[in-house]
Amino acid sequence: MVVAVSPTSVERPKAKPFGPQQFEPLEIVSDRCKGCGLCVDACPKHILVLGDSGVNELGYHAVRLTDPAACTSCALCARVCPDAVFTVYARSKGA
């Protein structure tokens, strides 16, 4: 038996609105962070800090980014992190 699906019955994802969106250069998996501070020491812009409001699932204060606009996506934080909690994104050349 073949079931026909009309184009109007299929839900389509809604388009995201255009406009200025804040660029996030780092994605941090806070649940895996052990709060060792190596990334804080390695950051040349000094924009990574260990959080002081609560602990993650492992019981540590996870790292957080304080100023996304100042981040240069140098990836030094990701290089020194023993737990691989960082994903680094570069800005587009036109930005």
PDB file of N, CA and C in Angstrom:
ATOM      1  N   MET A   1       0.844  -1.176   0.000  1.00  0.00           N
ATOM      2  CA  MET A   1       0.000   0.000   0.000  1.00  0.00           C
ATOM      3  C   MET A   1       0.889   1.240   0.000  1.00  0.00           C
ATOM      4  N   VAL A   2       0.617   2.157  -0.880  1.00  0.00           N
ATOM      5  CA  VAL A   2       1.363   3.394  -1.010  1.00  0.00           C
ATOM      6  C   VAL A   2       0.524   4.520  -0.434  1.00  0.00           C
ATOM      7  N   VAL A   3       1.142   5.305   0.427  1.00  0.00           N
ATOM      8  CA  VAL A   3       0.449   6.438   1.029  1.00  0.00           C
ATOM      9  C   VAL A   3       1.002   7.702   0.390  1.00  0.00           C
ATOM     10  N   ALA A   4       0.139   8.500  -0.150  1.00  0.00           N
ATOM     11  CA  ALA A   4       0.542   9.759  -0.767  1.00  0.00           C
ATOM     12  C   ALA A   4       0.545  10.855   0.285  1.00  0.00           C
ATOM     13  N   VAL A   5       1.567  11.638   0.255  1.00  0.00           N
ATOM     14  CA  VAL A   5       1.677  12.756   1.182  1.00  0.00           C
ATOM     15  C   VAL A   5       1.635  14.028   0.368  1.00  0.00           C
ATOM     16  N   SER A   6       0.691  14.871   0.688  1.00  0.00           N
ATOM     17  CA  SER A   6       0.600  16.130  -0.046  1.00  0.00           C
ATOM     18  C   SER A   6       1.631  17.109   0.496  1.00  0.00           C
ATOM     19  N   PRO A   7       2.122  18.001  -0.331  1.00  0.00           N
ATOM     20  CA  PRO A   7       3.152  18.943   0.109  1.00  0.00           C
ATOM     21  C   PRO A   7       2.699  19.828   1.263  1.00  0.00           C
ATOM     22  N   THR A   8       1.417  20.049   1.413  1.00  0.00           N
ATOM     23  CA  THR A   8       0.940  20.922   2.482  1.00  0.00           C
ATOM     24  C   THR A   8       0.890  20.207   3.825  1.00  0.00           C
ATOM     25  N   SER A   9       0.922  18.871   3.827  1.00  0.00           N
ATOM     26  CA  SER A   9       0.838  18.153   5.094  1.00  0.00           C
ATOM     27  C   SER A   9       2.196  17.934   5.750  1.00  0.00           C
ATOM     28  N   VAL A  10       3.269  18.227   5.033  1.00  0.00           N
ATOM     29  CA  VAL A  10       4.609  18.050   5.574  1.00  0.00           C
ATOM     30  C   VAL A  10       5.038  19.348   6.260  1.00  0.00           C
ATOM     31  N   GLU A  11       5.473  19.219   7.518  1.00  0.00           N
ATOM     32  CA  GLU A  11       5.939  20.413   8.224  1.00  0.00           C
ATOM     33  C   GLU A  11       7.335  20.757   7.754  1.00  0.00           C
ATOM     34  N   ARG A  12       7.526  21.997   7.467  1.00  0.00           N
ATOM     35  CA  ARG A  12       8.831  22.475   7.031  1.00  0.00           C
ATOM     36  C   ARG A  12       9.441  23.312   8.134  1.00  0.00           C
ATOM     37  N   PRO A  13      10.754  23.259   8.266  1.00  0.00           N
ATOM     38  CA  PRO A  13      11.382  24.069   9.310  1.00  0.00           C
ATOM     39  C   PRO A  13      11.183  25.549   9.036  1.00  0.00           C
ATOM     40  N   LYS A  14      10.979  26.276  10.082  1.00  0.00           N
ATOM     41  CA  LYS A  14      10.790  27.727   9.959  1.00  0.00           C
ATOM     42  C   LYS A  14      12.132  28.382   9.671  1.00  0.00           C
ATOM     43  N   ALA A  15      12.120  29.374   8.806  1.00  0.00           N
ATOM     44  CA  ALA A  15      13.337  30.102   8.482  1.00  0.00           C
ATOM     45  C   ALA A  15      13.738  30.973   9.665  1.00  0.00           C
ATOM     46  N   LYS A  16      15.031  31.069   9.909  1.00  0.00           N
ATOM     47  CA  LYS A  16      15.525  31.931  10.967  1.00  0.00           C
ATOM     48  C   LYS A  16      15.451  33.371  10.480  1.00  0.00           C
ATOM     49  N   PRO A  17      15.095  34.272  11.362  1.00  0.00           N
ATOM     50  CA  PRO A  17      15.008  35.676  10.942  1.00  0.00           C
ATOM     51  C   PRO A  17      16.388  36.235  10.619  1.00  0.00           C
ATOM     52  N   PHE A  18      16.415  37.117   9.639  1.00  0.00           N
ATOM     53  CA  PHE A  18      17.669  37.768   9.287  1.00  0.00           C
ATOM     54  C   PHE A  18      17.941  38.876  10.287  1.00  0.00           C
ATOM     55  N   GLY A  19      19.185  39.253  10.386  1.00  0.00           N
ATOM     56  CA  GLY A  19      19.550  40.326  11.295  1.00  0.00           C
ATOM     57  C   GLY A  19      20.867  40.008  11.965  1.00  0.00           C
ATOM     58  N   PRO A  20      21.349  40.951  12.741  1.00  0.00           N
ATOM     59  CA  PRO A  20      22.637  40.732  13.397  1.00  0.00           C
ATOM     60  C   PRO A  20      22.527  39.660  14.479  1.00  0.00           C
ATOM     61  N   GLN A  21      23.395  38.686  14.389  1.00  0.00           N
ATOM     62  CA  GLN A  21      23.448  37.640  15.388  1.00  0.00           C
ATOM     63  C   GLN A  21      24.836  37.667  16.004  1.00  0.00           C
ATOM     64  N   GLN A  22      24.906  37.439  17.297  1.00  0.00           N
ATOM     65  CA  GLN A  22      26.201  37.455  17.963  1.00  0.00           C
ATOM     66  C   GLN A  22      26.975  36.205  17.599  1.00  0.00           C
ATOM     67  N   PHE A  23      28.192  36.410  17.163  1.00  0.00           N
ATOM     68  CA  PHE A  23      29.065  35.304  16.791  1.00  0.00           C
ATOM     69  C   PHE A  23      29.636  34.685  18.053  1.00  0.00           C
ATOM     70  N   GLU A  24      29.556  33.380  18.171  1.00  0.00           N
ATOM     71  CA  GLU A  24      30.126  32.655  19.301  1.00  0.00           C
ATOM     72  C   GLU A  24      31.344  31.880  18.811  1.00  0.00           C
ATOM     73  N   PRO A  25      32.552  32.327  19.143  1.00  0.00           N
ATOM     74  CA  PRO A  25      33.760  31.684  18.633  1.00  0.00           C
ATOM     75  C   PRO A  25      34.077  30.349  19.298  1.00  0.00           C
ATOM     76  N   LEU A  26      33.544  30.113  20.489  1.00  0.00           N
ATOM     77  CA  LEU A  26      33.829  28.880  21.216  1.00  0.00           C
ATOM     78  C   LEU A  26      32.554  28.171  21.615  1.00  0.00           C
ATOM     79  N   GLU A  27      32.571  26.878  21.432  1.00  0.00           N
ATOM     80  CA  GLU A  27      31.532  26.029  21.990  1.00  0.00           C
ATOM     81  C   GLU A  27      32.217  25.236  23.100  1.00  0.00           C
ATOM     82  N   ILE A  28      31.680  25.335  24.305  1.00  0.00           N
ATOM     83  CA  ILE A  28      32.309  24.697  25.460  1.00  0.00           C
ATOM     84  C   ILE A  28      31.350  23.654  26.016  1.00  0.00           C
ATOM     85  N   VAL A  29      31.809  22.419  26.100  1.00  0.00           N
ATOM     86  CA  VAL A  29      31.016  21.341  26.692  1.00  0.00           C
ATOM     87  C   VAL A  29      31.311  21.364  28.193  1.00  0.00           C
ATOM     88  N   SER A  30      30.539  22.144  28.917  1.00  0.00           N
ATOM     89  CA  SER A  30      30.794  22.384  30.333  1.00  0.00           C
ATOM     90  C   SER A  30      30.691  21.131  31.191  1.00  0.00           C
ATOM     91  N   ASP A  31      29.889  20.178  30.770  1.00  0.00           N
ATOM     92  CA  ASP A  31      29.706  18.966  31.566  1.00  0.00           C
ATOM     93  C   ASP A  31      30.963  18.101  31.631  1.00  0.00           C
ATOM     94  N   ARG A  32      31.889  18.274  30.678  1.00  0.00           N
ATOM     95  CA  ARG A  32      33.124  17.486  30.672  1.00  0.00           C
ATOM     96  C   ARG A  32      34.307  18.218  31.281  1.00  0.00           C
ATOM     97  N   CYS A  33      34.162  19.508  31.553  1.00  0.00           N
ATOM     98  CA  CYS A  33      35.260  20.324  32.064  1.00  0.00           C
ATOM     99  C   CYS A  33      35.574  19.950  33.514  1.00  0.00           C
ATOM    100  N   LYS A  34      36.860  19.746  33.802  1.00  0.00           N
ATOM    101  CA  LYS A  34      37.296  19.417  35.163  1.00  0.00           C
ATOM    102  C   LYS A  34      37.885  20.618  35.888  1.00  0.00           C
ATOM    103  N   GLY A  35      37.800  21.793  35.287  1.00  0.00           N
ATOM    104  CA  GLY A  35      38.228  23.009  35.963  1.00  0.00           C
ATOM    105  C   GLY A  35      39.709  23.081  36.258  1.00  0.00           C
ATOM    106  N   CYS A  36      40.548  22.497  35.402  1.00  0.00           N
ATOM    107  CA  CYS A  36      41.993  22.479  35.660  1.00  0.00           C
ATOM    108  C   CYS A  36      42.625  23.856  35.495  1.00  0.00           C
ATOM    109  N   GLY A  37      42.039  24.723  34.674  1.00  0.00           N
ATOM    110  CA  GLY A  37      42.548  26.071  34.486  1.00  0.00           C
ATOM    111  C   GLY A  37      43.646  26.216  33.457  1.00  0.00           C
ATOM    112  N   LEU A  38      44.023  25.139  32.777  1.00  0.00           N
ATOM    113  CA  LEU A  38      45.070  25.243  31.758  1.00  0.00           C
ATOM    114  C   LEU A  38      44.675  26.206  30.640  1.00  0.00           C
ATOM    115  N   CYS A  39      43.421  26.160  30.232  1.00  0.00           N
ATOM    116  CA  CYS A  39      42.952  27.043  29.161  1.00  0.00           C
ATOM    117  C   CYS A  39      42.942  28.504  29.615  1.00  0.00           C
ATOM    118  N   VAL A  40      42.598  28.728  30.884  1.00  0.00           N
ATOM    119  CA  VAL A  40      42.587  30.088  31.430  1.00  0.00           C
ATOM    120  C   VAL A  40      43.990  30.683  31.355  1.00  0.00           C
ATOM    121  N   ASP A  41      44.991  29.890  31.709  1.00  0.00           N
ATOM    122  CA  ASP A  41      46.381  30.354  31.657  1.00  0.00           C
ATOM    123  C   ASP A  41      46.879  30.516  30.221  1.00  0.00           C
ATOM    124  N   ALA A  42      46.385  29.711  29.300  1.00  0.00           N
ATOM    125  CA  ALA A  42      46.858  29.748  27.917  1.00  0.00           C
ATOM    126  C   ALA A  42      46.236  30.867  27.091  1.00  0.00           C
ATOM    127  N   CYS A  43      45.103  31.370  27.492  1.00  0.00           N
ATOM    128  CA  CYS A  43      44.385  32.377  26.693  1.00  0.00           C
ATOM    129  C   CYS A  43      45.151  33.703  26.663  1.00  0.00           C
ATOM    130  N   PRO A  44      45.592  34.143  25.471  1.00  0.00           N
ATOM    131  CA  PRO A  44      46.360  35.383  25.389  1.00  0.00           C
ATOM    132  C   PRO A  44      45.520  36.634  25.656  1.00  0.00           C
ATOM    133  N   LYS A  45      44.217  36.539  25.502  1.00  0.00           N
ATOM    134  CA  LYS A  45      43.331  37.684  25.730  1.00  0.00           C
ATOM    135  C   LYS A  45      42.754  37.704  27.149  1.00  0.00           C
ATOM    136  N   HIS A  46      42.988  36.649  27.917  1.00  0.00           N
ATOM    137  CA  HIS A  46      42.505  36.536  29.300  1.00  0.00           C
ATOM    138  C   HIS A  46      40.987  36.690  29.394  1.00  0.00           C
ATOM    139  N   ILE A  47      40.301  35.981  28.506  1.00  0.00           N
ATOM    140  CA  ILE A  47      38.830  36.068  28.473  1.00  0.00           C
ATOM    141  C   ILE A  47      38.157  34.757  28.863  1.00  0.00           C
ATOM    142  N   LEU A  48      38.937  33.798  29.341  1.00  0.00           N
ATOM    143  CA  LEU A  48      38.386  32.561  29.880  1.00  0.00           C
ATOM    144  C   LEU A  48      38.554  32.588  31.394  1.00  0.00           C
ATOM    145  N   VAL A  49      37.493  32.226  32.100  1.00  0.00           N
ATOM    146  CA  VAL A  49      37.548  32.166  33.566  1.00  0.00           C
ATOM    147  C   VAL A  49      36.841  30.908  34.029  1.00  0.00           C
ATOM    148  N   LEU A  50      37.215  30.456  35.207  1.00  0.00           N
ATOM    149  CA  LEU A  50      36.488  29.350  35.809  1.00  0.00           C
ATOM    150  C   LEU A  50      35.233  29.917  36.452  1.00  0.00           C
ATOM    151  N   GLY A  51      34.106  29.270  36.168  1.00  0.00           N
ATOM    152  CA  GLY A  51      32.834  29.743  36.689  1.00  0.00           C
ATOM    153  C   GLY A  51      32.791  29.701  38.200  1.00  0.00           C
ATOM    154  N   ASP A  52      32.038  30.602  38.776  1.00  0.00           N
ATOM    155  CA  ASP A  52      31.930  30.636  40.228  1.00  0.00           C
ATOM    156  C   ASP A  52      30.489  30.417  40.693  1.00  0.00           C
ATOM    157  N   SER A  53      29.600  30.143  39.749  1.00  0.00           N
ATOM    158  CA  SER A  53      28.199  29.956  40.120  1.00  0.00           C
ATOM    159  C   SER A  53      27.776  28.512  39.871  1.00  0.00           C
ATOM    160  N   GLY A  54      28.082  27.666  40.811  1.00  0.00           N
ATOM    161  CA  GLY A  54      27.670  26.272  40.702  1.00  0.00           C
ATOM    162  C   GLY A  54      28.735  25.390  40.082  1.00  0.00           C
ATOM    163  N   VAL A  55      28.445  24.112  40.098  1.00  0.00           N
ATOM    164  CA  VAL A  55      29.368  23.121  39.567  1.00  0.00           C
ATOM    165  C   VAL A  55      28.669  22.290  38.501  1.00  0.00           C
ATOM    166  N   ASN A  56      29.465  21.635  37.651  1.00  0.00           N
ATOM    167  CA  ASN A  56      28.905  20.782  36.606  1.00  0.00           C
ATOM    168  C   ASN A  56      28.604  19.390  37.164  1.00  0.00           C
ATOM    169  N   GLU A  57      28.231  18.468  36.291  1.00  0.00           N
ATOM    170  CA  GLU A  57      27.861  17.111  36.716  1.00  0.00           C
ATOM    171  C   GLU A  57      29.022  16.361  37.362  1.00  0.00           C
ATOM    172  N   LEU A  58      30.253  16.747  37.016  1.00  0.00           N
ATOM    173  CA  LEU A  58      31.428  16.093  37.591  1.00  0.00           C
ATOM    174  C   LEU A  58      31.831  16.698  38.932  1.00  0.00           C
ATOM    175  N   GLY A  59      31.200  17.812  39.296  1.00  0.00           N
ATOM    176  CA  GLY A  59      31.503  18.473  40.555  1.00  0.00           C
ATOM    177  C   GLY A  59      32.560  19.554  40.471  1.00  0.00           C
ATOM    178  N   TYR A  60      32.845  20.043  39.266  1.00  0.00           N
ATOM    179  CA  TYR A  60      33.866  21.063  39.064  1.00  0.00           C
ATOM    180  C   TYR A  60      33.248  22.369  38.595  1.00  0.00           C
ATOM    181  N   HIS A  61      33.963  23.458  38.838  1.00  0.00           N
ATOM    182  CA  HIS A  61      33.590  24.753  38.276  1.00  0.00           C
ATOM    183  C   HIS A  61      34.086  24.772  36.837  1.00  0.00           C
ATOM    184  N   ALA A  62      33.197  24.828  35.898  1.00  0.00           N
ATOM    185  CA  ALA A  62      33.557  24.766  34.478  1.00  0.00           C
ATOM    186  C   ALA A  62      34.022  26.126  33.974  1.00  0.00           C
ATOM    187  N   VAL A  63      34.810  26.079  32.917  1.00  0.00           N
ATOM    188  CA  VAL A  63      35.316  27.293  32.293  1.00  0.00           C
ATOM    189  C   VAL A  63      34.189  27.977  31.517  1.00  0.00           C
ATOM    190  N   ARG A  64      34.298  29.300  31.391  1.00  0.00           N
ATOM    191  CA  ARG A  64      33.343  30.046  30.569  1.00  0.00           C
ATOM    192  C   ARG A  64      34.059  31.196  29.876  1.00  0.00           C
ATOM    193  N   LEU A  65      33.495  31.619  28.769  1.00  0.00           N
ATOM    194  CA  LEU A  65      34.035  32.707  27.968  1.00  0.00           C
ATOM    195  C   LEU A  65      33.377  34.007  28.418  1.00  0.00           C
ATOM    196  N   THR A  66      34.173  35.008  28.761  1.00  0.00           N
ATOM    197  CA  THR A  66      33.608  36.257  29.278  1.00  0.00           C
ATOM    198  C   THR A  66      33.333  37.297  28.199  1.00  0.00           C
ATOM    199  N   ASP A  67      34.106  37.288  27.108  1.00  0.00           N
ATOM    200  CA  ASP A  67      33.944  38.304  26.065  1.00  0.00           C
ATOM    201  C   ASP A  67      34.107  37.675  24.682  1.00  0.00           C
ATOM    202  N   PRO A  68      33.015  37.188  24.085  1.00  0.00           N
ATOM    203  CA  PRO A  68      33.118  36.539  22.776  1.00  0.00           C
ATOM    204  C   PRO A  68      33.697  37.442  21.687  1.00  0.00           C
ATOM    205  N   ALA A  69      33.439  38.727  21.761  1.00  0.00           N
ATOM    206  CA  ALA A  69      33.938  39.644  20.733  1.00  0.00           C
ATOM    207  C   ALA A  69      35.454  39.767  20.764  1.00  0.00           C
ATOM    208  N   ALA A  70      36.067  39.562  21.912  1.00  0.00           N
ATOM    209  CA  ALA A  70      37.520  39.693  22.030  1.00  0.00           C
ATOM    210  C   ALA A  70      38.260  38.421  21.622  1.00  0.00           C
ATOM    211  N   CYS A  71      37.557  37.317  21.493  1.00  0.00           N
ATOM    212  CA  CYS A  71      38.193  36.044  21.142  1.00  0.00           C
ATOM    213  C   CYS A  71      38.676  36.080  19.692  1.00  0.00           C
ATOM    214  N   THR A  72      39.923  35.664  19.484  1.00  0.00           N
ATOM    215  CA  THR A  72      40.509  35.661  18.141  1.00  0.00           C
ATOM    216  C   THR A  72      40.478  34.285  17.488  1.00  0.00           C
ATOM    217  N   SER A  73      39.882  33.297  18.154  1.00  0.00           N
ATOM    218  CA  SER A  73      39.817  31.915  17.661  1.00  0.00           C
ATOM    219  C   SER A  73      41.210  31.332  17.438  1.00  0.00           C
ATOM    220  N   CYS A  74      42.127  31.654  18.323  1.00  0.00           N
ATOM    221  CA  CYS A  74      43.507  31.168  18.194  1.00  0.00           C
ATOM    222  C   CYS A  74      43.619  29.680  18.513  1.00  0.00           C
ATOM    223  N   ALA A  75      42.664  29.149  19.243  1.00  0.00           N
ATOM    224  CA  ALA A  75      42.574  27.729  19.588  1.00  0.00           C
ATOM    225  C   ALA A  75      43.634  27.251  20.578  1.00  0.00           C
ATOM    226  N   LEU A  76      44.311  28.157  21.254  1.00  0.00           N
ATOM    227  CA  LEU A  76      45.265  27.734  22.280  1.00  0.00           C
ATOM    228  C   LEU A  76      44.539  27.010  23.420  1.00  0.00           C
ATOM    229  N   CYS A  77      43.351  27.442  23.732  1.00  0.00           N
ATOM    230  CA  CYS A  77      42.576  26.790  24.787  1.00  0.00           C
ATOM    231  C   CYS A  77      42.289  25.333  24.425  1.00  0.00           C
ATOM    232  N   ALA A  78      41.913  25.104  23.191  1.00  0.00           N
ATOM    233  CA  ALA A  78      41.603  23.749  22.738  1.00  0.00           C
ATOM    234  C   ALA A  78      42.855  22.872  22.697  1.00  0.00           C
ATOM    235  N   ARG A  79      43.985  23.462  22.399  1.00  0.00           N
ATOM    236  CA  ARG A  79      45.234  22.695  22.323  1.00  0.00           C
ATOM    237  C   ARG A  79      45.691  22.176  23.683  1.00  0.00           C
ATOM    238  N   VAL A  80      45.482  22.959  24.729  1.00  0.00           N
ATOM    239  CA  VAL A  80      45.975  22.555  26.047  1.00  0.00           C
ATOM    240  C   VAL A  80      44.938  21.779  26.863  1.00  0.00           C
ATOM    241  N   CYS A  81      43.708  21.755  26.418  1.00  0.00           N
ATOM    242  CA  CYS A  81      42.635  21.123  27.201  1.00  0.00           C
ATOM    243  C   CYS A  81      42.762  19.595  27.174  1.00  0.00           C
ATOM    244  N   PRO A  82      42.976  18.974  28.339  1.00  0.00           N
ATOM    245  CA  PRO A  82      43.096  17.516  28.371  1.00  0.00           C
ATOM    246  C   PRO A  82      41.763  16.792  28.193  1.00  0.00           C
ATOM    247  N   ASP A  83      40.669  17.506  28.331  1.00  0.00           N
ATOM    248  CA  ASP A  83      39.349  16.884  28.232  1.00  0.00           C
ATOM    249  C   ASP A  83      38.616  17.212  26.941  1.00  0.00           C
ATOM    250  N   ALA A  84      39.244  17.944  26.042  1.00  0.00           N
ATOM    251  CA  ALA A  84      38.678  18.295  24.729  1.00  0.00           C
ATOM    252  C   ALA A  84      37.272  18.864  24.835  1.00  0.00           C
ATOM    253  N   VAL A  85      37.130  19.911  25.629  1.00  0.00           N
ATOM    254  CA  VAL A  85      35.805  20.515  25.814  1.00  0.00           C
ATOM    255  C   VAL A  85      35.520  21.647  24.835  1.00  0.00           C
ATOM    256  N   PHE A  86      36.502  22.060  24.048  1.00  0.00           N
ATOM    257  CA  PHE A  86      36.344  23.205  23.161  1.00  0.00           C
ATOM    258  C   PHE A  86      36.153  22.813  21.708  1.00  0.00           C
ATOM    259  N   THR A  87      35.259  23.528  21.039  1.00  0.00           N
ATOM    260  CA  THR A  87      35.173  23.552  19.585  1.00  0.00           C
ATOM    261  C   THR A  87      35.352  25.016  19.210  1.00  0.00           C
ATOM    262  N   VAL A  88      36.323  25.296  18.370  1.00  0.00           N
ATOM    263  CA  VAL A  88      36.668  26.671  18.029  1.00  0.00           C
ATOM    264  C   VAL A  88      36.162  26.979  16.620  1.00  0.00           C
ATOM    265  N   TYR A  89      35.484  28.114  16.487  1.00  0.00           N
ATOM    266  CA  TYR A  89      34.979  28.567  15.198  1.00  0.00           C
ATOM    267  C   TYR A  89      35.673  29.869  14.820  1.00  0.00           C
ATOM    268  N   ALA A  90      36.021  30.002  13.562  1.00  0.00           N
ATOM    269  CA  ALA A  90      36.648  31.224  13.069  1.00  0.00           C
ATOM    270  C   ALA A  90      35.595  32.120  12.427  1.00  0.00           C
ATOM    271  N   ARG A  91      35.792  33.398  12.551  1.00  0.00           N
ATOM    272  CA  ARG A  91      34.889  34.343  11.891  1.00  0.00           C
ATOM    273  C   ARG A  91      35.104  34.261  10.392  1.00  0.00           C
ATOM    274  N   SER A  92      34.058  34.577   9.647  1.00  0.00           N
ATOM    275  CA  SER A  92      34.212  34.611   8.191  1.00  0.00           C
ATOM    276  C   SER A  92      35.097  35.799   7.829  1.00  0.00           C
ATOM    277  N   LYS A  93      35.768  35.723   6.709  1.00  0.00           N
ATOM    278  CA  LYS A  93      36.719  36.766   6.330  1.00  0.00           C
ATOM    279  C   LYS A  93      36.046  38.117   6.110  1.00  0.00           C
ATOM    280  N   GLY A  94      34.792  38.113   5.740  1.00  0.00           N
ATOM    281  CA  GLY A  94      34.095  39.379   5.488  1.00  0.00           C
ATOM    282  C   GLY A  94      33.569  40.027   6.752  1.00  0.00           C
ATOM    283  N   ALA A  95      33.616  39.330   7.885  1.00  0.00           N
ATOM    284  CA  ALA A  95      33.056  39.883   9.125  1.00  0.00           C
ATOM    285  C   ALA A  95      34.027  40.788   9.837  1.00  0.00           C
TER     286      ALA A  95
END
